[in-house]
Amino acid sequence: MGFLLTIAIIDDDTSHCRAVSRLLRASGMQTIIFSSAEAYLARDAGTPADCLVLDIQLGGMSGFDLQNRLASDPTAPPVVFLSAHSEPETIARITSTGCSYVRKTDPGPVLLEAIRMAIASRNASPDRENNGTH
């Protein structure tokens, strides 16, 4: 069990969460679903995630707000934004955060690759070397 990646899916669209969760579980990952950014922040601290798959538009705190809040935490998992919005301003904002972006309409392998790349990039970061003790 220790080899499985745990992916937190944060999206207020229940049917989309279930579909993404099925895709990730079929690919050998564990999933935890949160219907809001606030629910993710209120989770049990013993519920770690290797990556967040985060919708931009959520009821309450937006995906951008959550990512911005987590950006200063060196132990926070990497974020893959998953959104129906593909306007140039949205993509530019995501790119400026250093996060990955996948459209909800992209095929499953695109999301899987974005998750793998985000985790690999995070694990290769020199800032990660001494952060395992927080």
Protein backbone atom coordinates (compact mmCIF):
# COMPACT_ATOMS: atom_id res chain seq x y z
CA MET A 1 0.00 0.00 0.00
CA GLY A 2 2.90 2.37 0.61
CA PHE A 3 3.63 2.53 -3.11
CA LEU A 4 0.26 3.97 -4.08
CA LEU A 5 -0.03 7.65 -4.81
CA THR A 6 -2.86 9.44 -3.04
CA ILE A 7 -4.53 12.12 -5.11
CA ALA A 8 -6.93 14.66 -3.59
CA ILE A 9 -9.65 15.69 -6.02
CA ILE A 10 -11.19 19.04 -5.13
CA ASP A 11 -14.24 19.83 -7.24
CA ASP A 12 -17.83 20.76 -6.45
CA ASP A 13 -19.13 18.72 -9.42
CA THR A 14 -19.92 15.36 -7.81
CA SER A 15 -20.29 13.40 -11.05
CA HIS A 16 -17.01 14.77 -12.39
CA CYS A 17 -15.26 13.85 -9.11
CA ARG A 18 -16.52 10.28 -9.41
CA ALA A 19 -15.34 10.02 -13.02
CA VAL A 20 -11.86 11.38 -12.21
CA SER A 21 -11.65 9.13 -9.15
CA ARG A 22 -12.51 6.05 -11.25
CA LEU A 23 -9.82 6.98 -13.80
CA LEU A 24 -7.17 7.46 -11.13
CA ARG A 25 -8.07 4.29 -9.22
CA ALA A 26 -7.98 2.30 -12.47
CA SER A 27 -4.44 3.64 -12.88
CA GLY A 28 -3.39 2.38 -9.46
CA MET A 29 -3.82 5.57 -7.45
CA GLN A 30 -5.82 6.16 -4.28
CA THR A 31 -8.22 9.10 -4.25
CA ILE A 32 -9.77 11.36 -1.66
CA ILE A 33 -12.60 13.62 -2.79
CA PHE A 34 -13.35 17.05 -1.35
CA SER A 35 -16.31 19.14 -2.52
CA SER A 36 -14.66 22.45 -1.61
CA ALA A 37 -11.35 24.09 -0.84
CA GLU A 38 -12.58 24.64 2.70
CA ALA A 39 -13.27 20.90 3.11
CA TYR A 40 -9.72 20.14 1.96
CA LEU A 41 -8.28 22.63 4.46
CA ALA A 42 -10.41 21.14 7.27
CA ARG A 43 -9.28 17.56 6.55
CA ASP A 44 -7.52 15.47 9.17
CA ALA A 45 -3.81 16.37 9.13
CA GLY A 46 -3.07 12.64 8.94
CA THR A 47 -4.65 12.55 5.47
CA PRO A 48 -1.75 13.45 3.19
CA ALA A 49 -2.00 13.76 -0.57
CA ASP A 50 0.76 13.39 -3.14
CA CYS A 51 -0.98 15.76 -5.56
CA LEU A 52 -4.10 17.92 -5.74
CA VAL A 53 -6.38 17.84 -8.76
CA LEU A 54 -8.07 21.17 -8.27
CA ASP A 55 -11.00 22.81 -10.02
CA ILE A 56 -10.73 26.58 -10.42
CA GLN A 57 -14.33 27.59 -9.85
CA LEU A 58 -15.63 26.24 -6.57
CA GLY A 59 -18.40 27.45 -4.31
CA GLY A 60 -16.65 29.58 -1.68
CA MET A 61 -12.85 29.71 -1.87
CA SER A 62 -11.66 29.32 -5.48
CA GLY A 63 -9.02 26.89 -6.65
CA PHE A 64 -6.69 29.83 -7.21
CA ASP A 65 -7.28 30.99 -3.62
CA LEU A 66 -6.45 27.53 -2.27
CA GLN A 67 -3.33 27.17 -4.41
CA ASN A 68 -2.18 30.64 -3.34
CA ARG A 69 -2.71 29.74 0.31
CA LEU A 70 -0.73 26.50 -0.08
CA ALA A 71 2.08 28.08 -2.13
CA SER A 72 3.98 29.24 0.95
CA ASP A 73 3.93 25.74 2.52
CA PRO A 74 6.96 23.75 1.32
CA THR A 75 5.25 20.50 2.33
CA ALA A 76 2.07 21.18 0.32
CA PRO A 77 1.47 18.79 -2.57
CA PRO A 78 1.78 19.93 -6.17
CA VAL A 79 -1.37 21.13 -7.91
CA VAL A 80 -2.84 20.16 -11.26
CA PHE A 81 -5.64 22.55 -12.15
CA LEU A 82 -8.52 20.80 -13.89
CA SER A 83 -11.05 23.18 -15.40
CA ALA A 84 -13.62 23.68 -18.11
CA HIS A 85 -12.20 27.17 -18.62
CA SER A 86 -9.56 27.58 -21.29
CA GLU A 87 -9.50 31.34 -21.76
CA PRO A 88 -6.00 32.74 -22.36
CA GLU A 89 -6.19 34.75 -19.10
CA THR A 90 -6.99 31.61 -17.10
CA ILE A 91 -4.18 29.63 -18.69
CA ALA A 92 -1.73 32.51 -18.16
CA ARG A 93 -2.72 32.73 -14.49
CA ILE A 94 -2.21 28.99 -14.02
CA THR A 95 1.13 29.09 -15.83
CA SER A 96 2.27 31.93 -13.57
CA THR A 97 1.70 29.71 -10.52
CA GLY A 98 3.98 26.98 -11.88
CA CYS A 99 1.10 24.51 -11.74
CA SER A 100 -0.10 22.20 -14.49
CA TYR A 101 -3.37 22.70 -16.34
CA VAL A 102 -5.68 20.10 -17.86
CA ARG A 103 -9.05 20.81 -19.46
CA LYS A 104 -11.95 18.73 -18.17
CA THR A 105 -12.53 17.65 -21.77
CA ASP A 106 -8.95 16.33 -22.25
CA PRO A 107 -8.59 12.55 -22.44
CA GLY A 108 -7.71 10.68 -19.24
CA PRO A 109 -4.08 9.99 -20.18
CA VAL A 110 -3.44 13.75 -20.33
CA LEU A 111 -4.53 14.12 -16.70
CA LEU A 112 -2.53 11.06 -15.63
CA GLU A 113 0.61 12.43 -17.27
CA ALA A 114 0.10 15.87 -15.72
CA ILE A 115 -0.18 14.28 -12.26
CA ARG A 116 2.92 12.16 -12.79
CA MET A 117 4.91 15.13 -14.09
CA ALA A 118 3.79 17.38 -11.20
CA ILE A 119 4.85 14.78 -8.63
CA ALA A 120 8.14 14.05 -10.39
CA SER A 121 8.93 17.76 -10.67
CA ARG A 122 8.08 18.31 -7.01
CA ASN A 123 10.22 15.35 -5.92
CA ALA A 124 13.16 16.57 -8.02
CA SER A 125 13.04 20.06 -6.50
CA PRO A 126 16.09 20.89 -4.34
CA ASP A 127 13.74 22.64 -1.88
CA ARG A 128 12.24 19.24 -1.01
CA GLU A 129 15.42 17.68 0.36
CA ASN A 130 15.01 18.69 4.00
CA ASN A 131 11.26 19.24 4.22
CA GLY A 132 10.17 15.77 5.28
CA THR A 133 10.23 16.60 8.97
CA HIS A 134 7.45 19.22 9.09
